[in-house]
Structure formats: structure tokens, C-alpha cells
N, C-alpha and C. Protein backbone atom coordinates (compact mmCIF):
# COMPACT_ATOMS: atom_id res chain seq x y z
N UNK A 1 -6.08 50.45 -1.86
CA UNK A 1 -5.70 49.62 -2.99
C UNK A 1 -4.17 49.58 -3.11
N UNK A 2 -3.67 48.47 -3.60
CA UNK A 2 -2.24 48.26 -3.72
C UNK A 2 -1.77 48.62 -5.12
N UNK A 3 -0.92 49.63 -5.22
CA UNK A 3 -0.40 50.05 -6.52
C UNK A 3 0.70 49.12 -6.98
N UNK A 4 0.72 48.83 -8.29
CA UNK A 4 1.77 48.01 -8.87
C UNK A 4 2.33 48.69 -10.11
N UNK A 5 3.47 48.21 -10.58
CA UNK A 5 4.12 48.80 -11.74
C UNK A 5 3.59 48.18 -13.03
N UNK A 6 3.88 48.85 -14.14
CA UNK A 6 3.52 48.30 -15.45
C UNK A 6 4.23 46.96 -15.64
N UNK A 7 5.46 46.86 -15.20
CA UNK A 7 6.20 45.61 -15.33
C UNK A 7 5.53 44.46 -14.57
N UNK A 8 5.07 44.73 -13.35
CA UNK A 8 4.38 43.70 -12.57
C UNK A 8 3.08 43.28 -13.25
N UNK A 9 2.33 44.25 -13.75
CA UNK A 9 1.08 43.94 -14.45
C UNK A 9 1.36 43.11 -15.69
N UNK A 10 2.42 43.46 -16.40
CA UNK A 10 2.81 42.73 -17.61
C UNK A 10 3.10 41.27 -17.30
N UNK A 11 3.83 41.02 -16.24
CA UNK A 11 4.16 39.65 -15.85
C UNK A 11 2.91 38.86 -15.46
N UNK A 12 2.03 39.49 -14.70
CA UNK A 12 0.84 38.79 -14.23
C UNK A 12 -0.14 38.46 -15.35
N UNK A 13 -0.26 39.36 -16.32
CA UNK A 13 -1.25 39.18 -17.38
C UNK A 13 -0.67 38.56 -18.64
N UNK A 14 0.66 38.46 -18.72
CA UNK A 14 1.27 37.89 -19.91
C UNK A 14 1.12 38.78 -21.14
N UNK A 15 1.09 40.08 -20.90
CA UNK A 15 0.95 41.08 -21.97
C UNK A 15 2.22 41.94 -21.93
N UNK A 16 2.81 42.24 -23.09
CA UNK A 16 4.00 43.10 -23.07
C UNK A 16 3.74 44.45 -22.39
N UNK A 17 4.79 45.02 -21.81
CA UNK A 17 4.64 46.30 -21.08
C UNK A 17 4.00 47.37 -21.95
N UNK A 18 4.43 47.46 -23.20
CA UNK A 18 3.85 48.47 -24.08
C UNK A 18 2.37 48.20 -24.33
N UNK A 19 2.00 46.92 -24.42
CA UNK A 19 0.60 46.55 -24.58
C UNK A 19 -0.24 46.98 -23.39
N UNK A 20 0.30 46.81 -22.18
CA UNK A 20 -0.38 47.26 -20.96
C UNK A 20 -0.62 48.76 -21.06
N UNK A 21 0.43 49.51 -21.39
CA UNK A 21 0.32 50.97 -21.46
C UNK A 21 -0.75 51.40 -22.47
N UNK A 22 -0.69 50.84 -23.66
CA UNK A 22 -1.65 51.23 -24.72
C UNK A 22 -3.07 50.86 -24.33
N UNK A 23 -3.26 49.66 -23.82
CA UNK A 23 -4.62 49.21 -23.46
C UNK A 23 -5.20 50.03 -22.32
N UNK A 24 -4.38 50.39 -21.34
CA UNK A 24 -4.87 51.23 -20.24
C UNK A 24 -5.21 52.63 -20.77
N UNK A 25 -4.35 53.19 -21.61
CA UNK A 25 -4.62 54.51 -22.18
C UNK A 25 -5.93 54.54 -22.96
N UNK A 26 -6.22 53.46 -23.68
CA UNK A 26 -7.42 53.40 -24.52
C UNK A 26 -8.66 52.91 -23.78
N UNK A 27 -8.48 52.58 -22.51
CA UNK A 27 -9.62 52.12 -21.72
C UNK A 27 -10.02 50.68 -22.00
N UNK A 28 -9.13 49.91 -22.59
CA UNK A 28 -9.42 48.52 -22.94
C UNK A 28 -9.04 47.53 -21.85
N UNK A 29 -8.29 48.01 -20.87
CA UNK A 29 -7.83 47.15 -19.78
C UNK A 29 -8.16 47.87 -18.47
N UNK A 30 -9.22 47.44 -17.80
CA UNK A 30 -9.71 48.17 -16.61
C UNK A 30 -8.95 47.84 -15.33
N UNK A 31 -7.65 48.12 -15.34
CA UNK A 31 -6.84 47.81 -14.15
C UNK A 31 -6.25 49.06 -13.53
N UNK A 32 -6.65 50.23 -14.02
CA UNK A 32 -6.12 51.48 -13.49
C UNK A 32 -6.31 52.61 -14.49
N UNK A 33 -5.51 53.65 -14.34
CA UNK A 33 -5.62 54.84 -15.19
C UNK A 33 -4.25 55.29 -15.68
N UNK A 34 -4.27 55.96 -16.84
CA UNK A 34 -3.08 56.61 -17.38
C UNK A 34 -3.32 58.10 -17.30
N UNK A 35 -2.35 58.83 -16.75
CA UNK A 35 -2.49 60.28 -16.57
C UNK A 35 -1.33 60.97 -17.28
N UNK A 36 -1.67 61.87 -18.22
CA UNK A 36 -0.65 62.62 -18.94
C UNK A 36 -0.24 63.81 -18.08
N UNK A 37 1.05 63.92 -17.82
CA UNK A 37 1.58 64.99 -16.99
C UNK A 37 1.92 66.21 -17.85
N UNK A 38 2.24 67.30 -17.22
CA UNK A 38 2.51 68.54 -17.95
C UNK A 38 3.74 68.45 -18.84
N UNK A 39 4.67 67.58 -18.52
CA UNK A 39 5.88 67.44 -19.34
C UNK A 39 5.70 66.40 -20.45
N UNK A 40 4.45 66.11 -20.79
CA UNK A 40 4.07 65.17 -21.86
C UNK A 40 4.42 63.72 -21.55
N UNK A 41 4.76 63.44 -20.32
CA UNK A 41 4.98 62.06 -19.90
C UNK A 41 3.67 61.52 -19.36
N UNK A 42 3.54 60.22 -19.42
CA UNK A 42 2.34 59.58 -18.90
C UNK A 42 2.73 58.73 -17.70
N UNK A 43 1.95 58.84 -16.64
CA UNK A 43 2.16 57.99 -15.48
C UNK A 43 0.97 57.05 -15.37
N UNK A 44 1.21 55.86 -14.86
CA UNK A 44 0.18 54.83 -14.79
C UNK A 44 -0.11 54.49 -13.34
N UNK A 45 -1.38 54.49 -13.02
CA UNK A 45 -1.84 54.10 -11.69
C UNK A 45 -2.56 52.77 -11.85
N UNK A 46 -1.85 51.68 -11.58
CA UNK A 46 -2.37 50.34 -11.75
C UNK A 46 -2.51 49.70 -10.37
N UNK A 47 -3.56 48.90 -10.21
CA UNK A 47 -3.87 48.36 -8.89
C UNK A 47 -4.06 46.85 -8.91
N UNK A 48 -3.43 46.19 -7.95
CA UNK A 48 -3.49 44.73 -7.86
C UNK A 48 -4.92 44.23 -7.75
N UNK A 49 -5.74 44.90 -6.97
CA UNK A 49 -7.12 44.44 -6.78
C UNK A 49 -7.90 44.47 -8.10
N UNK A 50 -7.62 45.46 -8.95
CA UNK A 50 -8.30 45.53 -10.25
C UNK A 50 -7.80 44.45 -11.20
N UNK A 51 -6.51 44.10 -11.10
CA UNK A 51 -6.00 42.99 -11.91
C UNK A 51 -6.64 41.69 -11.46
N UNK A 52 -6.73 41.48 -10.15
CA UNK A 52 -7.36 40.27 -9.64
C UNK A 52 -8.81 40.17 -10.12
N UNK A 53 -9.53 41.27 -10.07
CA UNK A 53 -10.92 41.30 -10.53
C UNK A 53 -11.01 40.99 -12.02
N UNK A 54 -10.12 41.59 -12.81
CA UNK A 54 -10.10 41.37 -14.25
C UNK A 54 -9.85 39.89 -14.57
N UNK A 55 -8.87 39.30 -13.89
CA UNK A 55 -8.55 37.88 -14.11
C UNK A 55 -9.74 37.01 -13.72
N UNK A 56 -10.36 37.29 -12.58
CA UNK A 56 -11.52 36.52 -12.13
C UNK A 56 -12.66 36.58 -13.14
N UNK A 57 -12.91 37.76 -13.69
CA UNK A 57 -13.99 37.92 -14.67
C UNK A 57 -13.68 37.13 -15.95
N UNK A 58 -12.44 37.19 -16.41
CA UNK A 58 -12.07 36.46 -17.62
C UNK A 58 -12.16 34.95 -17.39
N UNK A 59 -11.72 34.47 -16.23
CA UNK A 59 -11.81 33.05 -15.92
C UNK A 59 -13.26 32.60 -15.81
N UNK A 60 -14.10 33.45 -15.28
CA UNK A 60 -15.52 33.14 -15.17
C UNK A 60 -16.15 32.95 -16.55
N UNK A 61 -15.77 33.79 -17.49
CA UNK A 61 -16.28 33.67 -18.87
C UNK A 61 -15.80 32.37 -19.48
N UNK A 62 -14.53 32.05 -19.30
CA UNK A 62 -13.97 30.82 -19.84
C UNK A 62 -14.67 29.60 -19.25
N UNK A 63 -14.86 29.61 -17.94
CA UNK A 63 -15.54 28.48 -17.29
C UNK A 63 -16.96 28.33 -17.79
N UNK A 64 -17.65 29.43 -18.02
CA UNK A 64 -19.02 29.40 -18.51
C UNK A 64 -19.09 28.72 -19.87
N UNK A 65 -18.15 29.04 -20.75
CA UNK A 65 -18.21 28.53 -22.12
C UNK A 65 -17.60 27.15 -22.29
N UNK A 66 -16.65 26.79 -21.43
CA UNK A 66 -15.92 25.54 -21.67
C UNK A 66 -16.13 24.47 -20.61
N UNK A 67 -16.81 24.77 -19.53
CA UNK A 67 -17.02 23.74 -18.51
C UNK A 67 -18.47 23.37 -18.37
């Protein structure tokens, strides 16, 4: 899988960087994981393939309801 940054995910999804972080931490955005490190920092493991899948699923729902 191809890892991407929070900034890249933010640009692709049109969600602010902080929104990406919060949604991933809360399990609301299934594009990767947030891991709390020992120094109380959080690192994000986000993957392009999961973003592509998420976008495809959302577009599928839209097409179902509006086309």
C-alpha cells in the first residue's frame, strides 16, 4: 500500500488537515490509522488505496440516489 501524508489526504478529500486527523482518530474516516506514540504525539498511517476505495464507495452511493 502507498502511504500518504495528512496534507495529501486533505487535498484529495477537501477536508481540513485537522478534520482528517480527528476523523481518523475517531474511526469515522476509514483511510488508515492514528497511533499515539510514547511521547504523546500521534502519527498517522494513511493509504492512497483506502482513500480511493472511500471515494469510490461515496460516489457509488451518490450515483444510486441521484442517477
